Protein backbone atom coordinates (compact mmCIF):
# COMPACT_ATOMS: atom_id res chain seq x y z
CA UNK A 1 -13.99 12.20 3.41
CA UNK A 2 -13.25 15.84 4.18
CA UNK A 3 -16.23 15.93 6.55
CA UNK A 4 -15.16 12.67 8.18
CA UNK A 5 -11.64 14.02 8.61
CA UNK A 6 -12.98 17.19 10.22
CA UNK A 7 -14.78 15.07 12.80
CA UNK A 8 -11.39 13.77 14.01
CA UNK A 9 -10.16 17.22 15.08
CA UNK A 10 -10.99 19.28 18.16
CA UNK A 11 -10.47 23.00 17.60
CA UNK A 12 -9.98 26.05 19.80
CA UNK A 13 -9.99 29.74 18.90
CA UNK A 14 -9.39 33.24 20.24
CA UNK A 15 -11.98 35.67 21.54
CA UNK A 16 -15.43 35.96 23.11
CA UNK A 17 -17.25 35.37 19.81
CA UNK A 18 -17.07 32.57 17.27
CA UNK A 19 -14.62 33.65 14.55
CA UNK A 20 -15.26 33.03 10.87
CA UNK A 21 -12.47 30.44 10.55
CA UNK A 22 -13.92 28.32 13.35
CA UNK A 23 -17.48 28.69 12.03
CA UNK A 24 -16.34 27.47 8.61
CA UNK A 25 -14.69 24.40 10.12
CA UNK A 26 -17.81 23.63 12.13
CA UNK A 27 -19.89 23.86 8.95
CA UNK A 28 -17.31 21.58 7.29
CA UNK A 29 -17.80 18.84 9.89
CA UNK A 30 -15.87 19.62 13.09
CA UNK A 31 -17.90 18.36 16.06
CA UNK A 32 -15.60 19.05 19.02
CA UNK A 33 -14.49 22.42 20.43
CA UNK A 34 -12.32 23.37 23.41
CA UNK A 35 -12.70 26.68 25.23
CA UNK A 36 -10.25 28.64 27.41
CA UNK A 37 -10.16 31.70 29.67
CA UNK A 38 -9.65 33.79 26.54
CA UNK A 39 -13.16 32.77 25.44
CA UNK A 40 -14.88 33.80 28.69
CA UNK A 41 -16.12 37.19 29.83
CA UNK A 42 -19.20 36.30 31.87
CA UNK A 43 -21.85 33.59 32.10
CA UNK A 44 -24.30 35.14 29.63
CA UNK A 45 -21.59 35.72 27.03
CA UNK A 46 -20.44 32.09 27.43
CA UNK A 47 -23.97 30.76 26.95
CA UNK A 48 -24.29 32.82 23.77
CA UNK A 49 -20.92 31.53 22.53
CA UNK A 50 -21.82 27.88 23.05
CA UNK A 51 -25.17 28.52 21.34
CA UNK A 52 -23.40 30.05 18.34
CA UNK A 53 -21.10 27.01 18.12
CA UNK A 54 -24.08 24.67 17.87
CA UNK A 55 -25.82 26.92 15.38
CA UNK A 56 -22.75 27.09 13.11
CA UNK A 57 -22.46 23.30 13.08
CA UNK A 58 -26.18 22.71 12.66
CA UNK A 59 -25.67 19.65 14.87
CA UNK A 60 -24.65 18.69 18.41
CA UNK A 61 -21.06 19.69 19.21
CA UNK A 62 -18.94 18.44 22.11
CA UNK A 63 -17.77 21.57 23.95
CA UNK A 64 -15.05 21.03 26.55
CA UNK A 65 -12.88 23.01 28.96
CA UNK A 66 -10.10 22.45 31.52
CA UNK A 67 -12.07 23.26 34.68
CA UNK A 68 -9.96 21.22 37.10
CA UNK A 69 -9.87 23.71 39.97
CA UNK A 70 -6.93 25.39 41.63
CA UNK A 71 -4.56 27.00 39.16
CA UNK A 72 -6.16 25.27 36.17
CA UNK A 73 -9.65 26.75 36.06
CA UNK A 74 -10.44 28.50 32.79
CA UNK A 75 -13.72 30.15 33.84
CA UNK A 76 -13.74 32.34 36.96
CA UNK A 77 -16.24 34.95 38.04
CA UNK A 78 -19.98 35.19 37.48
CA UNK A 79 -21.49 31.71 37.51
CA UNK A 80 -18.15 30.01 38.20
CA UNK A 81 -16.98 29.99 41.83
CA UNK A 82 -13.38 29.11 42.61
CA UNK A 83 -12.82 25.36 42.82
CA UNK A 84 -10.19 23.68 45.00
CA UNK A 85 -7.18 22.06 43.39
CA UNK A 86 -7.28 18.27 43.23
CA UNK A 87 -4.71 18.04 46.02
CA UNK A 88 -6.74 20.33 48.28
CA UNK A 89 -10.00 18.53 47.54
CA UNK A 90 -8.40 15.15 48.23
CA UNK A 91 -7.25 16.41 51.65
CA UNK A 92 -10.93 16.59 52.56
CA UNK A 93 -11.57 13.02 51.42
CA UNK A 94 -13.76 11.61 48.68
CA UNK A 95 -16.81 13.58 49.82
CA UNK A 96 -14.95 16.86 49.24
CA UNK A 97 -13.88 15.59 45.83
CA UNK A 98 -17.49 14.79 44.96
CA UNK A 99 -18.66 18.23 46.11
CA UNK A 100 -16.10 19.86 43.82
CA UNK A 101 -17.29 17.73 40.90
CA UNK A 102 -20.94 18.62 41.53
CA UNK A 103 -20.16 22.34 41.57
CA UNK A 104 -18.08 22.14 38.40
CA UNK A 105 -20.65 20.05 36.54
CA UNK A 106 -23.67 22.22 37.39
CA UNK A 107 -21.90 25.43 36.40
CA UNK A 108 -20.66 23.93 33.14
CA UNK A 109 -23.99 22.42 32.13
CA UNK A 110 -25.73 25.73 32.72
CA UNK A 111 -23.36 27.32 30.21
CA UNK A 112 -23.69 24.61 27.54
CA UNK A 113 -20.38 22.86 28.29
CA UNK A 114 -20.56 19.08 27.93
CA UNK A 115 -17.11 17.83 28.97
CA UNK A 116 -14.67 18.74 31.72
CA UNK A 117 -11.10 17.78 30.82
CA UNK A 118 -10.61 16.39 34.32
CA UNK A 119 -9.77 14.60 36.54
CA UNK A 120 -5.99 14.57 36.43
CA UNK A 121 -5.07 10.92 37.03
CA UNK A 122 -1.33 11.48 37.21
CA UNK A 123 0.42 10.40 40.42
CA UNK A 124 2.35 13.30 41.95
CA UNK A 125 5.50 11.28 42.57
CA UNK A 126 8.11 13.89 41.59
CA UNK A 127 8.41 17.10 43.66
CA UNK A 128 10.39 18.66 40.78
CA UNK A 129 7.53 18.18 38.30
CA UNK A 130 6.87 21.64 36.81
CA UNK A 131 3.41 21.00 35.40
CA UNK A 132 1.43 18.53 37.59
CA UNK A 133 1.93 19.17 41.33
CA UNK A 134 -1.32 20.27 43.02
CA UNK A 135 -3.30 19.27 39.93
CA UNK A 136 -2.92 15.64 41.09
CA UNK A 137 -4.93 14.16 43.96
CA UNK A 138 -1.73 13.02 45.67
CA UNK A 139 1.39 10.88 45.59
CA UNK A 140 -0.27 7.58 46.49
CA UNK A 141 -1.58 5.69 43.43
CA UNK A 142 -4.52 4.20 45.32
CA UNK A 143 -5.59 7.61 46.64
CA UNK A 144 -5.36 9.11 43.14
CA UNK A 145 -7.41 6.17 41.83
CA UNK A 146 -10.17 6.44 44.45
CA UNK A 147 -10.44 10.23 44.23
CA UNK A 148 -10.25 10.17 40.43
CA UNK A 149 -13.05 7.63 40.21
CA UNK A 150 -15.16 9.59 42.70
CA UNK A 151 -14.69 12.78 40.70
CA UNK A 152 -15.37 11.21 37.30
CA UNK A 153 -18.45 9.26 38.40
CA UNK A 154 -19.94 12.32 40.12
CA UNK A 155 -19.25 14.58 37.16
CA UNK A 156 -20.93 12.14 34.79
CA UNK A 157 -23.88 11.55 37.12
CA UNK A 158 -24.43 15.31 36.91
CA UNK A 159 -24.51 15.13 33.10
CA UNK A 160 -20.98 16.28 32.19
CA UNK A 161 -18.49 13.88 30.58
CA UNK A 162 -15.16 13.37 32.33
CA UNK A 163 -11.79 13.15 30.60
CA UNK A 164 -8.97 11.64 32.66
CA UNK A 165 -5.42 12.70 31.87
CA UNK A 166 -2.53 12.30 30.98
CA UNK A 167 -2.23 8.64 29.91
CA UNK A 168 -0.12 6.71 30.74
CA UNK A 169 1.18 9.17 33.33
CA UNK A 170 2.85 12.59 33.47
CA UNK A 171 3.39 12.72 37.22
CA UNK A 172 7.05 11.72 37.46
CA UNK A 173 8.44 13.94 34.71
CA UNK A 174 10.78 16.85 35.36
CA UNK A 175 10.03 18.53 32.01
CA UNK A 176 6.85 20.36 31.00
CA UNK A 177 5.55 18.95 27.71
CA UNK A 178 4.27 22.42 26.83
CA UNK A 179 7.94 23.33 26.39
CA UNK A 180 9.84 20.13 25.53
CA UNK A 181 9.47 16.35 25.24
CA UNK A 182 9.72 14.58 28.63
CA UNK A 183 10.70 10.95 28.86
CA UNK A 184 10.36 8.31 31.56
CA UNK A 185 12.82 5.40 31.81
CA UNK A 186 10.67 3.32 34.21
CA UNK A 187 10.27 -0.41 33.69
CA UNK A 188 6.81 -1.77 32.96
CA UNK A 189 6.61 -3.22 36.47
CA UNK A 190 6.93 0.27 37.94
CA UNK A 191 4.32 1.69 35.54
CA UNK A 192 1.88 -1.05 36.54
CA UNK A 193 2.53 -0.37 40.24
CA UNK A 194 2.28 3.44 40.12
CA UNK A 195 1.33 5.31 36.94
CA UNK A 196 -1.29 2.92 35.56
CA UNK A 197 -3.20 2.31 38.80
CA UNK A 198 -5.53 5.36 38.53
CA UNK A 199 -6.13 4.88 34.81
CA UNK A 200 -7.02 1.23 35.25
CA UNK A 201 -9.49 2.20 37.98
CA UNK A 202 -11.04 4.95 35.84
CA UNK A 203 -11.47 2.57 32.90
CA UNK A 204 -13.20 0.09 35.19
CA UNK A 205 -15.49 2.83 36.50
CA UNK A 206 -16.72 3.80 33.03
CA UNK A 207 -14.98 7.11 32.47
CA UNK A 208 -16.14 8.59 29.16
CA UNK A 209 -12.80 9.79 27.87
CA UNK A 210 -9.04 9.83 28.42
CA UNK A 211 -6.29 12.14 27.16
CA UNK A 212 -2.82 11.00 26.14
CA UNK A 213 0.49 12.43 27.34
CA UNK A 214 3.20 13.90 25.13
CA UNK A 215 5.76 11.82 27.02
CA UNK A 216 8.26 9.24 25.79
CA UNK A 217 8.03 5.95 27.72
CA UNK A 218 11.22 3.97 27.21
CA UNK A 219 9.79 0.62 28.31
CA UNK A 220 6.76 0.82 26.00
CA UNK A 221 7.87 2.72 22.90
CA UNK A 222 11.22 4.55 23.02
CA UNK A 223 10.76 5.98 19.52
CA UNK A 224 7.74 8.30 19.73
CA UNK A 225 5.65 10.09 22.39
CA UNK A 226 2.72 8.18 23.85
CA UNK A 227 0.28 10.32 21.86
CA UNK A 228 1.67 8.97 18.57
CA UNK A 229 2.42 5.43 19.71
CA UNK A 230 0.27 2.50 18.66
CA UNK A 231 1.98 0.43 21.35
CA UNK A 232 0.72 2.86 24.00
CA UNK A 233 -2.75 3.79 22.75
CA UNK A 234 -3.87 0.58 21.06
CA UNK A 235 -1.61 -1.98 22.70
CA UNK A 236 -1.66 -0.74 26.29
CA UNK A 237 -4.81 1.38 26.65
CA UNK A 238 -7.22 -0.32 24.28
CA UNK A 239 -6.10 -3.95 24.44
CA UNK A 240 -4.41 -4.38 27.82
CA UNK A 241 -6.60 -2.02 29.91
CA UNK A 242 -9.70 -2.64 27.79
CA UNK A 243 -10.68 1.01 27.30
CA UNK A 244 -13.40 1.45 24.67
CA UNK A 245 -14.16 5.13 25.20
CA UNK A 246 -13.09 8.34 23.49
CA UNK A 247 -9.37 9.16 23.41
CA UNK A 248 -8.12 12.73 22.98
CA UNK A 249 -4.57 13.73 22.28
CA UNK A 250 -3.14 16.50 24.42
CA UNK A 251 -2.75 19.76 22.51
CA UNK A 252 -0.66 19.32 19.37
CA UNK A 253 0.50 22.93 19.61
CA UNK A 254 2.55 22.12 22.69
CA UNK A 255 6.28 22.16 21.94
CA UNK A 256 6.73 18.45 22.63
CA UNK A 257 4.87 17.83 19.36
CA UNK A 258 5.01 21.11 17.42
CA UNK A 259 8.81 21.35 17.54
CA UNK A 260 9.34 17.78 16.34
CA UNK A 261 6.59 16.79 13.92
CA UNK A 262 4.82 18.23 10.92
CA UNK A 263 1.26 18.92 12.03
CA UNK A 264 -0.51 16.98 9.30
CA UNK A 265 1.63 13.86 9.62
CA UNK A 266 1.40 13.98 13.41
CA UNK A 267 -2.41 14.13 13.21
CA UNK A 268 -2.48 11.04 10.99
CA UNK A 269 -0.04 9.20 13.25
CA UNK A 270 -2.20 9.93 16.31
CA UNK A 271 -5.30 8.44 14.68
CA UNK A 272 -3.23 5.48 13.44
CA UNK A 273 -2.05 4.98 17.03
CA UNK A 274 -5.65 4.65 18.23
CA UNK A 275 -6.59 8.20 19.30
CA UNK A 276 -10.01 9.50 18.26
CA UNK A 277 -9.66 13.29 18.54
CA UNK A 278 -6.62 15.40 17.63
CA UNK A 279 -6.63 18.44 19.92
CA UNK A 280 -5.45 21.68 18.25
CA UNK A 281 -6.24 24.57 20.53
CA UNK A 282 -5.24 27.79 18.79
CA UNK A 283 -4.21 28.19 15.15
CA UNK A 284 -6.70 27.80 12.31
CA UNK A 285 -3.95 27.14 9.75
CA UNK A 286 -2.71 24.15 11.74
CA UNK A 287 -6.26 22.89 12.25
CA UNK A 288 -6.93 23.03 8.50
CA UNK A 289 -3.62 21.31 7.79
CA UNK A 290 -4.55 18.46 10.13
CA UNK A 291 -7.95 18.04 8.47
CA UNK A 292 -6.38 18.05 5.00
CA UNK A 293 -3.78 15.46 5.99
CA UNK A 294 -6.38 13.21 7.61
CA UNK A 295 -8.61 13.40 4.51
CA UNK A 296 -5.67 12.52 2.27
CA UNK A 297 -4.73 9.60 4.52
CA UNK A 298 -8.29 8.32 4.20
CA UNK A 299 -8.25 8.67 0.42
CA UNK A 300 -4.92 6.87 0.13
CA UNK A 301 -5.97 4.05 2.44
CA UNK A 302 -3.38 4.88 5.08
CA UNK A 303 -6.32 5.33 7.47
CA UNK A 304 -8.88 2.60 7.01
CA UNK A 305 -12.60 3.25 6.82
CA UNK A 306 -13.11 0.90 9.78
CA UNK A 307 -10.67 2.79 11.99
CA UNK A 308 -12.21 6.16 11.19
CA UNK A 309 -15.70 4.82 11.77
CA UNK A 310 -14.69 3.45 15.18
CA UNK A 311 -13.36 6.86 16.20
CA UNK A 312 -16.47 8.63 14.98
CA UNK A 313 -18.74 6.15 16.72
CA UNK A 314 -16.93 6.83 20.00
CA UNK A 315 -17.44 10.56 19.57
CA UNK A 316 -21.09 10.00 18.67
CA UNK A 317 -21.61 7.90 21.80
CA UNK A 318 -20.38 10.78 23.99
CA UNK A 319 -22.51 13.25 22.03
CA UNK A 320 -25.58 11.06 22.47
CA UNK A 321 -24.86 10.54 26.16
CA UNK A 322 -24.04 14.09 27.22
CA UNK A 323 -24.99 16.58 24.49
CA UNK A 324 -28.21 15.50 22.78
CA UNK A 325 -31.12 17.68 23.83
CA UNK A 326 -28.95 20.13 25.81
CA UNK A 327 -29.80 23.73 24.95
């Protein structure tokens, strides 16, 4: 059960080399890693790092990065040309969006990266939003949907899994969930008309993965953020939109979660809600705590064997589709 629990957590770490803590967790069963600018020096160093991750695990590992373009591009320099922001790419139409996706995918594959945590599927409907802005394709839901689908399908055709974010929509918030817990009071009719349009399109187009938002949606579940809400993840995303792919949480070390919930309990609640991967980007102590709590929840029956197996099968499908055989 400890190994199964480890497979429900995505870890990040500091530095250009794989630290001992991360290597131990990979040997213990972790099969998903996220990298950042702090992990990148140059293309050859990055290839060696991704190789060491696979060697430590002794198995395929899903390695991901936020390589959106614009101000959110973790790798810059040798082997990684500057990419346009989503807004700038969308100004050039779907063909420009596809070109950006091709460039990103080919650079990432060459370095052993299997998933780009993009496209952003949020609708940029609030000029005061401190965290989305140019990361979105625009303010029109249909434009965001068409560009998001073009980006995701192109990325995946080039052999890199796409992860759309931040479900069910972070575009109209005026608070950054890195710092606090945003909430949206919109009625379900408004969400269907604006926020959900790009996500519904991406689900229909076969996007491999989606990421949840640390946002409170009053009309769906006014008690807990979307990331921890069964009404949002299972009820809305799985059952109503019909998404069967891999679901990541946004980073649990963001203040919207870290300031309000104990890490272990939050990890269990996210899996209970219907998420498949708990994203913990920085601290090894919090990553271990999440794994311990998930293992205990499995032993106690709080998390059923069937639910855990479904999550692990979704991860395995992405590994088989995008990682197997990749050096």
